[in-house]
Each structure stands twice: as C-alpha cells, then as structure tokens.
PDB file of N, CA and C in Angstrom:
ATOM      1  N   MET A   1       0.859  -1.226  -0.059  1.00  0.00           N
ATOM      2  CA  MET A   1      -0.045  -0.008  -0.041  1.00  0.00           C
ATOM      3  C   MET A   1       0.786   1.367   0.066  1.00  0.00           C
ATOM      4  N   LYS A   2       1.945   1.156   0.680  1.00  0.00           N
ATOM      5  CA  LYS A   2       2.847   2.364   0.861  1.00  0.00           C
ATOM      6  C   LYS A   2       3.483   2.667  -0.532  1.00  0.00           C
ATOM      7  N   TYR A   3       3.804   1.636  -1.308  1.00  0.00           N
ATOM      8  CA  TYR A   3       4.449   1.844  -2.500  1.00  0.00           C
ATOM      9  C   TYR A   3       3.422   2.478  -3.565  1.00  0.00           C
ATOM     10  N   LEU A   4       2.242   2.066  -3.416  1.00  0.00           N
ATOM     11  CA  LEU A   4       1.147   2.559  -4.371  1.00  0.00           C
ATOM     12  C   LEU A   4       0.907   4.125  -3.968  1.00  0.00           C
ATOM     13  N   LEU A   5       1.035   4.550  -2.779  1.00  0.00           N
ATOM     14  CA  LEU A   5       0.951   5.866  -2.356  1.00  0.00           C
ATOM     15  C   LEU A   5       1.982   6.518  -2.805  1.00  0.00           C
ATOM     16  N   LEU A   6       3.343   6.098  -2.729  1.00  0.00           N
ATOM     17  CA  LEU A   6       4.580   6.751  -3.253  1.00  0.00           C
ATOM     18  C   LEU A   6       4.424   6.957  -4.680  1.00  0.00           C
ATOM     19  N   VAL A   7       3.902   5.983  -5.453  1.00  0.00           N
ATOM     20  CA  VAL A   7       3.812   6.122  -6.916  1.00  0.00           C
ATOM     21  C   VAL A   7       2.855   7.131  -7.241  1.00  0.00           C
ATOM     22  N   ALA A   8       1.713   7.291  -6.518  1.00  0.00           N
ATOM     23  CA  ALA A   8       0.663   8.246  -6.755  1.00  0.00           C
ATOM     24  C   ALA A   8       1.290   9.695  -6.504  1.00  0.00           C
ATOM     25  N   VAL A   9       2.125   9.846  -5.475  1.00  0.00           N
ATOM     26  CA  VAL A   9       2.589  11.124  -5.234  1.00  0.00           C
ATOM     27  C   VAL A   9       3.615  11.604  -6.232  1.00  0.00           C
ATOM     28  N   VAL A  10       4.414  10.592  -6.804  1.00  0.00           N
ATOM     29  CA  VAL A  10       5.322  10.864  -7.730  1.00  0.00           C
ATOM     30  C   VAL A  10       4.667  11.162  -8.975  1.00  0.00           C
ATOM     31  N   LEU A  11       3.582  10.558  -9.355  1.00  0.00           N
ATOM     32  CA  LEU A  11       2.773  10.952 -10.449  1.00  0.00           C
ATOM     33  C   LEU A  11       2.104  12.270 -10.502  1.00  0.00           C
ATOM     34  N   VAL A  12       1.656  12.608  -9.387  1.00  0.00           N
ATOM     35  CA  VAL A  12       0.952  13.918  -9.051  1.00  0.00           C
ATOM     36  C   VAL A  12       2.076  15.059  -9.360  1.00  0.00           C
ATOM     37  N   VAL A  13       3.062  14.770  -8.647  1.00  0.00           N
ATOM     38  CA  VAL A  13       4.209  15.907  -8.835  1.00  0.00           C
ATOM     39  C   VAL A  13       4.621  15.949 -10.320  1.00  0.00           C
ATOM     40  N   TRP A  14       4.825  14.795 -10.954  1.00  0.00           N
ATOM     41  CA  TRP A  14       5.282  14.926 -12.417  1.00  0.00           C
ATOM     42  C   TRP A  14       4.274  15.558 -13.187  1.00  0.00           C
ATOM     43  N   TRP A  15       2.918  15.310 -12.906  1.00  0.00           N
ATOM     44  CA  TRP A  15       1.816  15.916 -13.724  1.00  0.00           C
ATOM     45  C   TRP A  15       1.710  17.461 -13.415  1.00  0.00           C
ATOM     46  N   LEU A  16       2.004  17.869 -12.220  1.00  0.00           N
ATOM     47  CA  LEU A  16       2.022  19.343 -11.878  1.00  0.00           C
ATOM     48  C   LEU A  16       3.233  20.039 -12.498  1.00  0.00           C
ATOM     49  N   LEU A  17       4.295  19.442 -12.487  1.00  0.00           N
ATOM     50  CA  LEU A  17       5.422  20.001 -13.081  1.00  0.00           C
ATOM     51  C   LEU A  17       5.172  20.200 -14.700  1.00  0.00           C
ATOM     52  N   ARG A  18       4.698  19.198 -15.407  1.00  0.00           N
ATOM     53  CA  ARG A  18       4.369  19.301 -16.767  1.00  0.00           C
ATOM     54  C   ARG A  18       3.224  20.246 -17.221  1.00  0.00           C
ATOM     55  N   ALA A  19       2.320  20.384 -16.160  1.00  0.00           N
ATOM     56  CA  ALA A  19       1.030  21.288 -16.494  1.00  0.00           C
ATOM     57  C   ALA A  19       1.370  22.614 -16.365  1.00  0.00           C
ATOM     58  N   ARG A  20       2.616  23.014 -15.736  1.00  0.00           N
ATOM     59  CA  ARG A  20       2.924  24.427 -15.508  1.00  0.00           C
ATOM     60  C   ARG A  20       3.142  25.046 -16.873  1.00  0.00           C
ATOM     61  N   PRO A  21       2.754  26.248 -17.147  1.00  0.00           N
ATOM     62  CA  PRO A  21       2.918  26.904 -18.325  1.00  0.00           C
ATOM     63  C   PRO A  21       4.428  27.242 -18.590  1.00  0.00           C
ATOM     64  N   ALA A  22       4.851  27.048 -19.875  1.00  0.00           N
ATOM     65  CA  ALA A  22       6.205  27.320 -20.266  1.00  0.00           C
ATOM     66  C   ALA A  22       6.496  28.884 -20.052  1.00  0.00           C
ATOM     67  N   ARG A  23       7.839  29.072 -19.617  1.00  0.00           N
ATOM     68  CA  ARG A  23       8.166  30.521 -19.443  1.00  0.00           C
ATOM     69  C   ARG A  23       8.401  31.091 -20.770  1.00  0.00           C
ATOM     70  N   PRO A  24       8.238  32.240 -21.159  1.00  0.00           N
ATOM     71  CA  PRO A  24       8.556  32.927 -22.231  1.00  0.00           C
ATOM     72  C   PRO A  24      10.011  33.238 -22.383  1.00  0.00           C
ATOM     73  N   LYS A  25      10.559  33.043 -23.631  1.00  0.00           N
ATOM     74  CA  LYS A  25      11.961  33.210 -23.761  1.00  0.00           C
ATOM     75  C   LYS A  25      12.257  34.720 -23.667  1.00  0.00           C
ATOM     76  N   PRO A  26      13.283  35.075 -22.966  1.00  0.00           N
ATOM     77  CA  PRO A  26      13.676  36.498 -22.830  1.00  0.00           C
ATOM     78  C   PRO A  26      14.146  37.005 -24.160  1.00  0.00           C
ATOM     79  N   PRO A  27      13.807  38.357 -24.307  1.00  0.00           N
ATOM     80  CA  PRO A  27      14.297  38.889 -25.665  1.00  0.00           C
ATOM     81  C   PRO A  27      15.887  38.936 -25.709  1.00  0.00           C
ATOM     82  N   ASP A  28      16.397  38.899 -26.872  1.00  0.00           N
ATOM     83  CA  ASP A  28      17.768  38.842 -27.129  1.00  0.00           C
ATOM     84  C   ASP A  28      18.368  40.179 -26.756  1.00  0.00           C
ATOM     85  N   ALA A  29      19.564  40.205 -26.156  1.00  0.00           N
ATOM     86  CA  ALA A  29      20.254  41.394 -25.830  1.00  0.00           C
ATOM     87  C   ALA A  29      20.610  42.154 -27.053  1.00  0.00           C
ATOM     88  N   PRO A  30      20.664  43.572 -27.136  1.00  0.00           N
ATOM     89  CA  PRO A  30      21.006  44.224 -28.147  1.00  0.00           C
ATOM     90  C   PRO A  30      22.558  44.068 -28.382  1.00  0.00           C
ATOM     91  N   PRO A  31      23.078  44.047 -29.643  1.00  0.00           N
ATOM     92  CA  PRO A  31      24.523  43.927 -29.807  1.00  0.00           C
ATOM     93  C   PRO A  31      25.299  45.075 -29.225  1.00  0.00           C
ATOM     94  N   PRO A  32      26.338  44.843 -28.616  1.00  0.00           N
ATOM     95  CA  PRO A  32      27.108  45.935 -27.927  1.00  0.00           C
ATOM     96  C   PRO A  32      27.535  46.954 -29.012  1.00  0.00           C
ATOM     97  N   ALA A  33      27.673  48.174 -28.565  1.00  0.00           N
ATOM     98  CA  ALA A  33      27.949  49.380 -29.462  1.00  0.00           C
ATOM     99  C   ALA A  33      29.642  49.152 -29.841  1.00  0.00           C
ATOM    100  N   ASP A  34      29.690  49.797 -30.992  1.00  0.00           N
ATOM    101  CA  ASP A  34      31.136  49.733 -31.516  1.00  0.00           C
ATOM    102  C   ASP A  34      32.056  50.444 -30.606  1.00  0.00           C
ATOM    103  N   PRO A  35      33.316  50.208 -30.402  1.00  0.00           N
ATOM    104  CA  PRO A  35      34.193  51.004 -29.451  1.00  0.00           C
ATOM    105  C   PRO A  35      34.439  52.297 -30.199  1.00  0.00           C
ATOM    106  N   GLN A  36      34.573  53.395 -29.509  1.00  0.00           N
ATOM    107  CA  GLN A  36      34.766  54.752 -29.772  1.00  0.00           C
ATOM    108  C   GLN A  36      36.222  55.020 -29.732  1.00  0.00           C
ATOM    109  N   ALA A  37      36.742  55.802 -30.663  1.00  0.00           N
ATOM    110  CA  ALA A  37      38.116  56.313 -30.588  1.00  0.00           C
ATOM    111  C   ALA A  37      38.314  57.211 -29.426  1.00  0.00           C
ATOM    112  N   MET A  38      39.335  56.992 -28.597  1.00  0.00           N
ATOM    113  CA  MET A  38      39.529  57.871 -27.402  1.00  0.00           C
ATOM    114  C   MET A  38      40.705  58.759 -27.737  1.00  0.00           C
ATOM    115  N   VAL A  39      40.728  60.041 -27.181  1.00  0.00           N
ATOM    116  CA  VAL A  39      41.743  61.027 -27.301  1.00  0.00           C
ATOM    117  C   VAL A  39      42.021  61.650 -25.915  1.00  0.00           C
ATOM    118  N   ARG A  40      43.296  62.127 -25.858  1.00  0.00           N
ATOM    119  CA  ARG A  40      43.679  62.801 -24.574  1.00  0.00           C
ATOM    120  C   ARG A  40      43.628  64.238 -24.683  1.00  0.00           C
ATOM    121  N   CYS A  41      43.169  64.862 -23.453  1.00  0.00           N
ATOM    122  CA  CYS A  41      43.103  66.300 -23.410  1.00  0.00           C
ATOM    123  C   CYS A  41      44.587  66.751 -23.400  1.00  0.00           C
ATOM    124  N   ARG A  42      44.893  67.744 -24.177  1.00  0.00           N
ATOM    125  CA  ARG A  42      46.287  68.409 -24.260  1.00  0.00           C
ATOM    126  C   ARG A  42      46.649  69.054 -22.888  1.00  0.00           C
ATOM    127  N   HIS A  43      45.698  69.521 -22.219  1.00  0.00           N
ATOM    128  CA  HIS A  43      45.914  70.317 -20.871  1.00  0.00           C
ATOM    129  C   HIS A  43      46.047  69.398 -19.651  1.00  0.00           C
ATOM    130  N   CYS A  44      44.888  68.567 -19.542  1.00  0.00           N
ATOM    131  CA  CYS A  44      44.892  67.846 -18.326  1.00  0.00           C
ATOM    132  C   CYS A  44      45.181  66.403 -18.370  1.00  0.00           C
ATOM    133  N   GLY A  45      45.190  65.866 -19.656  1.00  0.00           N
ATOM    134  CA  GLY A  45      45.400  64.478 -19.840  1.00  0.00           C
ATOM    135  C   GLY A  45      44.281  63.504 -19.679  1.00  0.00           C
ATOM    136  N   LEU A  46      42.908  64.058 -19.597  1.00  0.00           N
ATOM    137  CA  LEU A  46      41.804  63.362 -19.299  1.00  0.00           C
ATOM    138  C   LEU A  46      41.468  62.560 -20.639  1.00  0.00           C
ATOM    139  N   HIS A  47      41.217  61.404 -20.625  1.00  0.00           N
ATOM    140  CA  HIS A  47      40.835  60.525 -21.878  1.00  0.00           C
ATOM    141  C   HIS A  47      39.282  60.642 -22.000  1.00  0.00           C
ATOM    142  N   LEU A  48      38.921  60.927 -23.270  1.00  0.00           N
ATOM    143  CA  LEU A  48      37.455  61.103 -23.707  1.00  0.00           C
ATOM    144  C   LEU A  48      37.219  60.733 -25.082  1.00  0.00           C
ATOM    145  N   PRO A  49      35.896  60.462 -25.367  1.00  0.00           N
ATOM    146  CA  PRO A  49      35.630  60.078 -26.724  1.00  0.00           C
ATOM    147  C   PRO A  49      35.869  61.177 -27.717  1.00  0.00           C
ATOM    148  N   ARG A  50      36.354  60.872 -28.835  1.00  0.00           N
ATOM    149  CA  ARG A  50      36.749  61.944 -29.842  1.00  0.00           C
ATOM    150  C   ARG A  50      35.520  62.714 -30.244  1.00  0.00           C
ATOM    151  N   ASP A  51      34.386  62.090 -30.163  1.00  0.00           N
ATOM    152  CA  ASP A  51      33.043  62.853 -30.563  1.00  0.00           C
ATOM    153  C   ASP A  51      32.884  63.919 -29.458  1.00  0.00           C
ATOM    154  N   GLU A  52      33.282  63.862 -28.210  1.00  0.00           N
ATOM    155  CA  GLU A  52      32.945  64.769 -27.174  1.00  0.00           C
ATOM    156  C   GLU A  52      34.020  65.878 -26.997  1.00  0.00           C
ATOM    157  N   ALA A  53      35.266  65.602 -27.708  1.00  0.00           N
ATOM    158  CA  ALA A  53      36.543  66.429 -27.554  1.00  0.00           C
ATOM    159  C   ALA A  53      36.265  67.764 -28.326  1.00  0.00           C
ATOM    160  N   VAL A  54      36.860  68.888 -27.643  1.00  0.00           N
ATOM    161  CA  VAL A  54      36.927  70.138 -28.296  1.00  0.00           C
ATOM    162  C   VAL A  54      38.239  70.216 -29.086  1.00  0.00           C
ATOM    163  N   ALA A  55      38.143  70.527 -30.515  1.00  0.00           N
ATOM    164  CA  ALA A  55      39.411  70.696 -31.192  1.00  0.00           C
ATOM    165  C   ALA A  55      40.075  71.967 -31.040  1.00  0.00           C
ATOM    166  N   GLY A  56      41.355  72.078 -30.962  1.00  0.00           N
ATOM    167  CA  GLY A  56      42.220  73.120 -30.871  1.00  0.00           C
ATOM    168  C   GLY A  56      43.260  73.043 -31.990  1.00  0.00           C
ATOM    169  N   ASP A  57      44.139  74.003 -32.026  1.00  0.00           N
ATOM    170  CA  ASP A  57      45.108  74.105 -32.943  1.00  0.00           C
ATOM    171  C   ASP A  57      46.148  72.995 -32.862  1.00  0.00           C
ATOM    172  N   ASP A  58      46.605  72.779 -31.532  1.00  0.00           N
ATOM    173  CA  ASP A  58      47.517  71.700 -31.338  1.00  0.00           C
ATOM    174  C   ASP A  58      47.009  70.382 -30.976  1.00  0.00           C
ATOM    175  N   GLY A  59      45.812  70.051 -30.997  1.00  0.00           N
ATOM    176  CA  GLY A  59      45.110  68.793 -30.572  1.00  0.00           C
ATOM    177  C   GLY A  59      43.864  68.944 -29.843  1.00  0.00           C
ATOM    178  N   PRO A  60      43.259  67.747 -29.372  1.00  0.00           N
ATOM    179  CA  PRO A  60      42.003  67.862 -28.692  1.00  0.00           C
ATOM    180  C   PRO A  60      42.085  68.213 -27.236  1.00  0.00           C
ATOM    181  N   TYR A  61      41.017  68.869 -26.730  1.00  0.00           N
ATOM    182  CA  TYR A  61      40.839  69.265 -25.341  1.00  0.00           C
ATOM    183  C   TYR A  61      39.467  68.741 -24.759  1.00  0.00           C
ATOM    184  N   CYS A  62      39.468  68.787 -23.460  1.00  0.00           N
ATOM    185  CA  CYS A  62      38.291  68.208 -22.930  1.00  0.00           C
ATOM    186  C   CYS A  62      37.137  69.251 -22.742  1.00  0.00           C
ATOM    187  N   SER A  63      37.389  70.520 -22.863  1.00  0.00           N
ATOM    188  CA  SER A  63      36.538  71.729 -22.738  1.00  0.00           C
ATOM    189  C   SER A  63      37.125  72.979 -23.357  1.00  0.00           C
ATOM    190  N   ASP A  64      36.265  73.912 -23.525  1.00  0.00           N
ATOM    191  CA  ASP A  64      36.733  75.234 -24.182  1.00  0.00           C
ATOM    192  C   ASP A  64      37.630  75.932 -23.195  1.00  0.00           C
ATOM    193  N   ALA A  65      37.398  75.790 -21.740  1.00  0.00           N
ATOM    194  CA  ALA A  65      38.308  76.344 -20.801  1.00  0.00           C
ATOM    195  C   ALA A  65      39.698  75.907 -20.924  1.00  0.00           C
ATOM    196  N   HIS A  66      39.915  74.536 -21.120  1.00  0.00           N
ATOM    197  CA  HIS A  66      41.228  73.977 -21.285  1.00  0.00           C
ATOM    198  C   HIS A  66      41.827  74.331 -22.612  1.00  0.00           C
ATOM    199  N   ARG A  67      41.014  74.506 -23.635  1.00  0.00           N
ATOM    200  CA  ARG A  67      41.566  74.857 -24.949  1.00  0.00           C
ATOM    201  C   ARG A  67      42.040  76.355 -24.862  1.00  0.00           C
ATOM    202  N   LEU A  68      41.430  77.134 -24.084  1.00  0.00           N
ATOM    203  CA  LEU A  68      41.950  78.533 -23.971  1.00  0.00           C
ATOM    204  C   LEU A  68      43.132  78.618 -23.030  1.00  0.00           C
ATOM    205  N   ALA A  69      43.062  77.829 -21.938  1.00  0.00           N
ATOM    206  CA  ALA A  69      44.212  77.759 -21.028  1.00  0.00           C
ATOM    207  C   ALA A  69      45.350  77.220 -21.723  1.00  0.00           C
ATOM    208  N   GLY A  70      45.250  76.222 -22.484  1.00  0.00           N
ATOM    209  CA  GLY A  70      46.452  75.605 -23.214  1.00  0.00           C
ATOM    210  C   GLY A  70      46.960  76.444 -24.267  1.00  0.00           C
ATOM    211  N   GLY A  71      46.422  77.408 -24.727  1.00  0.00           N
ATOM    212  CA  GLY A  71      46.835  78.204 -25.776  1.00  0.00           C
ATOM    213  C   GLY A  71      46.453  77.496 -27.216  1.00  0.00           C
ATOM    214  N   GLY A  72      45.648  76.668 -27.312  1.00  0.00           N
ATOM    215  CA  GLY A  72      45.169  76.177 -28.633  1.00  0.00           C
ATOM    216  C   GLY A  72      44.037  76.793 -28.925  1.00  0.00           C
ATOM    217  N   GLY A  73      44.125  77.721 -29.968  1.00  0.00           N
ATOM    218  CA  GLY A  73      43.064  78.665 -30.409  1.00  0.00           C
ATOM    219  C   GLY A  73      42.050  77.776 -31.078  1.00  0.00           C
ATOM    220  N   PRO A  74      41.004  78.409 -31.591  1.00  0.00           N
ATOM    221  CA  PRO A  74      39.960  77.630 -32.365  1.00  0.00           C
ATOM    222  C   PRO A  74      40.499  76.932 -33.550  1.00  0.00           C
ATOM    223  N   ARG A  75      39.794  75.876 -33.751  1.00  0.00           N
ATOM    224  CA  ARG A  75      40.290  75.086 -35.098  1.00  0.00           C
ATOM    225  C   ARG A  75      39.306  75.295 -36.175  1.00  0.00           C
TER     226      ARG A  75
END
C-alpha cells in the first residue's frame, strides 16, 4: 500500500510540473556598441571620446576652458 501511495505522489508531482505553463523566452540582448576612438586632453590628460572632444590648433581638449588655457586657439 505504501508503494502505491509513493507512486501516486510521484505521478501527481510529475503531472504538476508538466502542467505548468512554459516560461517565455527572454528577448535577445542588443548587440554591443562599436568602440569609440579615445583622445587625450592636451591640458589635463583626461581621456574622452573623440566625438566629445573640443578641437584646438595643437590637438584635442576636454573643454573650451582647457583649450583657451592651453593656448590652442579655435580650429
């Protein structure tokens, strides 16, 4: 009798696990962004993306204040 009860419990657990709704697949992660070229500020040495750099006569700067302090006029 105890084996019949054990088989019944195993079958009920198996049925409950199979009856559970399937989990939806998580969406794919977006591809990583392309790496950006980094430049170094001629005044303070800060590394920043080329797109955010301020151009001066003798190279890139991190801000207009550093461009003016470094003597690199407008480009």
